[in-house]
Protein backbone atom coordinates (compact mmCIF):
# COMPACT_ATOMS: atom_id res chain seq x y z
CA UNK A 1 0.00 0.00 0.00
CA UNK A 2 2.81 2.38 0.90
CA UNK A 3 4.53 1.78 -2.45
CA UNK A 4 1.35 2.54 -4.39
CA UNK A 5 0.77 5.79 -2.50
CA UNK A 6 4.42 6.73 -3.00
CA UNK A 7 4.18 6.19 -6.76
CA UNK A 8 0.99 8.26 -6.95
CA UNK A 9 2.68 10.95 -4.84
CA UNK A 10 5.65 11.19 -7.21
CA UNK A 11 3.44 11.27 -10.32
CA UNK A 12 1.20 13.97 -8.85
CA UNK A 13 4.21 16.05 -7.83
CA UNK A 14 5.62 15.88 -11.37
CA UNK A 15 2.24 16.88 -12.83
CA UNK A 16 2.02 19.79 -10.41
CA UNK A 17 5.55 20.98 -11.26
CA UNK A 18 4.84 20.78 -14.99
CA UNK A 19 1.51 22.61 -14.72
CA UNK A 20 3.08 25.40 -12.67
CA UNK A 21 5.93 25.83 -15.12
CA UNK A 22 3.54 25.90 -18.11
CA UNK A 23 1.55 28.83 -16.70
CA UNK A 24 2.45 32.31 -17.83
CA UNK A 25 3.33 34.89 -15.22
CA UNK A 26 0.75 37.47 -14.20
CA UNK A 27 2.95 40.44 -15.18
CA UNK A 28 4.02 39.07 -18.56
CA UNK A 29 3.42 40.92 -21.77
CA UNK A 30 1.09 43.78 -22.50
CA UNK A 31 -1.46 42.98 -19.81
CA UNK A 32 1.14 43.64 -17.12
CA UNK A 33 1.91 47.07 -18.57
CA UNK A 34 -1.69 48.17 -19.06
CA UNK A 35 -2.97 46.92 -15.74
CA UNK A 36 -6.65 46.18 -15.31
CA UNK A 37 -7.78 47.41 -18.73
CA UNK A 38 -6.73 44.33 -20.61
CA UNK A 39 -7.96 42.13 -17.78
CA UNK A 40 -11.52 43.41 -18.10
CA UNK A 41 -11.46 43.33 -21.91
CA UNK A 42 -10.16 39.77 -22.16
CA UNK A 43 -11.86 38.62 -18.97
CA UNK A 44 -14.83 37.11 -20.84
CA UNK A 45 -12.83 34.17 -22.18
CA UNK A 46 -10.61 33.74 -19.14
CA UNK A 47 -12.15 30.41 -18.20
CA UNK A 48 -11.41 28.94 -21.63
CA UNK A 49 -7.73 29.75 -21.88
CA UNK A 50 -4.82 27.39 -21.41
CA UNK A 51 -3.79 29.31 -18.29
CA UNK A 52 -7.16 28.54 -16.72
CA UNK A 53 -6.73 24.87 -17.60
CA UNK A 54 -3.26 24.81 -16.06
CA UNK A 55 -4.59 26.58 -12.96
CA UNK A 56 -7.29 23.93 -12.53
CA UNK A 57 -4.76 21.14 -13.03
CA UNK A 58 -2.52 22.79 -10.42
CA UNK A 59 -5.36 23.05 -7.90
CA UNK A 60 -6.43 19.42 -8.33
CA UNK A 61 -2.88 18.10 -8.22
CA UNK A 62 -2.12 20.17 -5.12
CA UNK A 63 -5.14 18.71 -3.35
CA UNK A 64 -4.13 15.17 -4.30
CA UNK A 65 -0.56 15.94 -3.23
CA UNK A 66 -1.76 16.99 0.23
CA UNK A 67 -3.90 13.87 0.60
CA UNK A 68 -1.06 11.56 -0.44
CA UNK A 69 1.32 13.37 1.91
CA UNK A 70 -1.01 12.78 4.83
CA UNK A 71 -1.54 9.16 3.81
CA UNK A 72 2.20 8.57 3.57
CA UNK A 73 2.80 10.08 6.98
CA UNK A 74 0.11 7.85 8.47
CA UNK A 75 1.41 4.73 6.72
CA UNK A 76 4.99 5.27 7.82
CA UNK A 77 4.05 5.43 11.51
C-alpha atoms as a PDB file:
ATOM      1  CA  UNK A   1       0.000   0.000   0.000  1.00  0.00           C
ATOM      2  CA  UNK A   2       2.811   2.381   0.901  1.00  0.00           C
ATOM      3  CA  UNK A   3       4.535   1.782  -2.445  1.00  0.00           C
ATOM      4  CA  UNK A   4       1.349   2.539  -4.387  1.00  0.00           C
ATOM      5  CA  UNK A   5       0.768   5.795  -2.499  1.00  0.00           C
ATOM      6  CA  UNK A   6       4.424   6.733  -3.005  1.00  0.00           C
ATOM      7  CA  UNK A   7       4.184   6.191  -6.763  1.00  0.00           C
ATOM      8  CA  UNK A   8       0.991   8.263  -6.952  1.00  0.00           C
ATOM      9  CA  UNK A   9       2.676  10.947  -4.838  1.00  0.00           C
ATOM     10  CA  UNK A  10       5.651  11.185  -7.215  1.00  0.00           C
ATOM     11  CA  UNK A  11       3.445  11.269 -10.325  1.00  0.00           C
ATOM     12  CA  UNK A  12       1.203  13.973  -8.848  1.00  0.00           C
ATOM     13  CA  UNK A  13       4.212  16.045  -7.827  1.00  0.00           C
ATOM     14  CA  UNK A  14       5.622  15.884 -11.373  1.00  0.00           C
ATOM     15  CA  UNK A  15       2.238  16.878 -12.833  1.00  0.00           C
ATOM     16  CA  UNK A  16       2.024  19.793 -10.413  1.00  0.00           C
ATOM     17  CA  UNK A  17       5.549  20.983 -11.263  1.00  0.00           C
ATOM     18  CA  UNK A  18       4.836  20.776 -14.991  1.00  0.00           C
ATOM     19  CA  UNK A  19       1.511  22.614 -14.724  1.00  0.00           C
ATOM     20  CA  UNK A  20       3.076  25.396 -12.665  1.00  0.00           C
ATOM     21  CA  UNK A  21       5.928  25.827 -15.120  1.00  0.00           C
ATOM     22  CA  UNK A  22       3.542  25.898 -18.110  1.00  0.00           C
ATOM     23  CA  UNK A  23       1.545  28.832 -16.703  1.00  0.00           C
ATOM     24  CA  UNK A  24       2.449  32.309 -17.833  1.00  0.00           C
ATOM     25  CA  UNK A  25       3.325  34.890 -15.225  1.00  0.00           C
ATOM     26  CA  UNK A  26       0.753  37.468 -14.195  1.00  0.00           C
ATOM     27  CA  UNK A  27       2.952  40.438 -15.183  1.00  0.00           C
ATOM     28  CA  UNK A  28       4.023  39.065 -18.561  1.00  0.00           C
ATOM     29  CA  UNK A  29       3.424  40.921 -21.774  1.00  0.00           C
ATOM     30  CA  UNK A  30       1.086  43.776 -22.495  1.00  0.00           C
ATOM     31  CA  UNK A  31      -1.464  42.980 -19.807  1.00  0.00           C
ATOM     32  CA  UNK A  32       1.144  43.641 -17.119  1.00  0.00           C
ATOM     33  CA  UNK A  33       1.906  47.067 -18.566  1.00  0.00           C
ATOM     34  CA  UNK A  34      -1.690  48.169 -19.058  1.00  0.00           C
ATOM     35  CA  UNK A  35      -2.970  46.915 -15.741  1.00  0.00           C
ATOM     36  CA  UNK A  36      -6.648  46.180 -15.315  1.00  0.00           C
ATOM     37  CA  UNK A  37      -7.785  47.407 -18.727  1.00  0.00           C
ATOM     38  CA  UNK A  38      -6.729  44.327 -20.611  1.00  0.00           C
ATOM     39  CA  UNK A  39      -7.959  42.127 -17.777  1.00  0.00           C
ATOM     40  CA  UNK A  40     -11.521  43.412 -18.097  1.00  0.00           C
ATOM     41  CA  UNK A  41     -11.459  43.330 -21.908  1.00  0.00           C
ATOM     42  CA  UNK A  42     -10.163  39.771 -22.161  1.00  0.00           C
ATOM     43  CA  UNK A  43     -11.859  38.617 -18.970  1.00  0.00           C
ATOM     44  CA  UNK A  44     -14.827  37.106 -20.835  1.00  0.00           C
ATOM     45  CA  UNK A  45     -12.834  34.169 -22.176  1.00  0.00           C
ATOM     46  CA  UNK A  46     -10.608  33.740 -19.142  1.00  0.00           C
ATOM     47  CA  UNK A  47     -12.151  30.409 -18.203  1.00  0.00           C
ATOM     48  CA  UNK A  48     -11.413  28.938 -21.629  1.00  0.00           C
ATOM     49  CA  UNK A  49      -7.729  29.752 -21.883  1.00  0.00           C
ATOM     50  CA  UNK A  50      -4.818  27.389 -21.410  1.00  0.00           C
ATOM     51  CA  UNK A  51      -3.792  29.307 -18.292  1.00  0.00           C
ATOM     52  CA  UNK A  52      -7.160  28.537 -16.722  1.00  0.00           C
ATOM     53  CA  UNK A  53      -6.734  24.869 -17.595  1.00  0.00           C
ATOM     54  CA  UNK A  54      -3.262  24.807 -16.058  1.00  0.00           C
ATOM     55  CA  UNK A  55      -4.590  26.583 -12.962  1.00  0.00           C
ATOM     56  CA  UNK A  56      -7.291  23.935 -12.527  1.00  0.00           C
ATOM     57  CA  UNK A  57      -4.756  21.143 -13.027  1.00  0.00           C
ATOM     58  CA  UNK A  58      -2.517  22.787 -10.422  1.00  0.00           C
ATOM     59  CA  UNK A  59      -5.365  23.052  -7.901  1.00  0.00           C
ATOM     60  CA  UNK A  60      -6.426  19.422  -8.326  1.00  0.00           C
ATOM     61  CA  UNK A  61      -2.876  18.097  -8.223  1.00  0.00           C
ATOM     62  CA  UNK A  62      -2.117  20.167  -5.116  1.00  0.00           C
ATOM     63  CA  UNK A  63      -5.144  18.713  -3.349  1.00  0.00           C
ATOM     64  CA  UNK A  64      -4.133  15.167  -4.303  1.00  0.00           C
ATOM     65  CA  UNK A  65      -0.563  15.937  -3.231  1.00  0.00           C
ATOM     66  CA  UNK A  66      -1.761  16.992   0.226  1.00  0.00           C
ATOM     67  CA  UNK A  67      -3.901  13.872   0.596  1.00  0.00           C
ATOM     68  CA  UNK A  68      -1.061  11.560  -0.441  1.00  0.00           C
ATOM     69  CA  UNK A  69       1.315  13.370   1.910  1.00  0.00           C
ATOM     70  CA  UNK A  70      -1.012  12.776   4.833  1.00  0.00           C
ATOM     71  CA  UNK A  71      -1.536   9.158   3.815  1.00  0.00           C
ATOM     72  CA  UNK A  72       2.198   8.569   3.570  1.00  0.00           C
ATOM     73  CA  UNK A  73       2.799  10.079   6.983  1.00  0.00           C
ATOM     74  CA  UNK A  74       0.112   7.847   8.472  1.00  0.00           C
ATOM     75  CA  UNK A  75       1.407   4.730   6.722  1.00  0.00           C
ATOM     76  CA  UNK A  76       4.993   5.272   7.817  1.00  0.00           C
ATOM     77  CA  UNK A  77       4.050   5.433  11.506  1.00  0.00           C
END
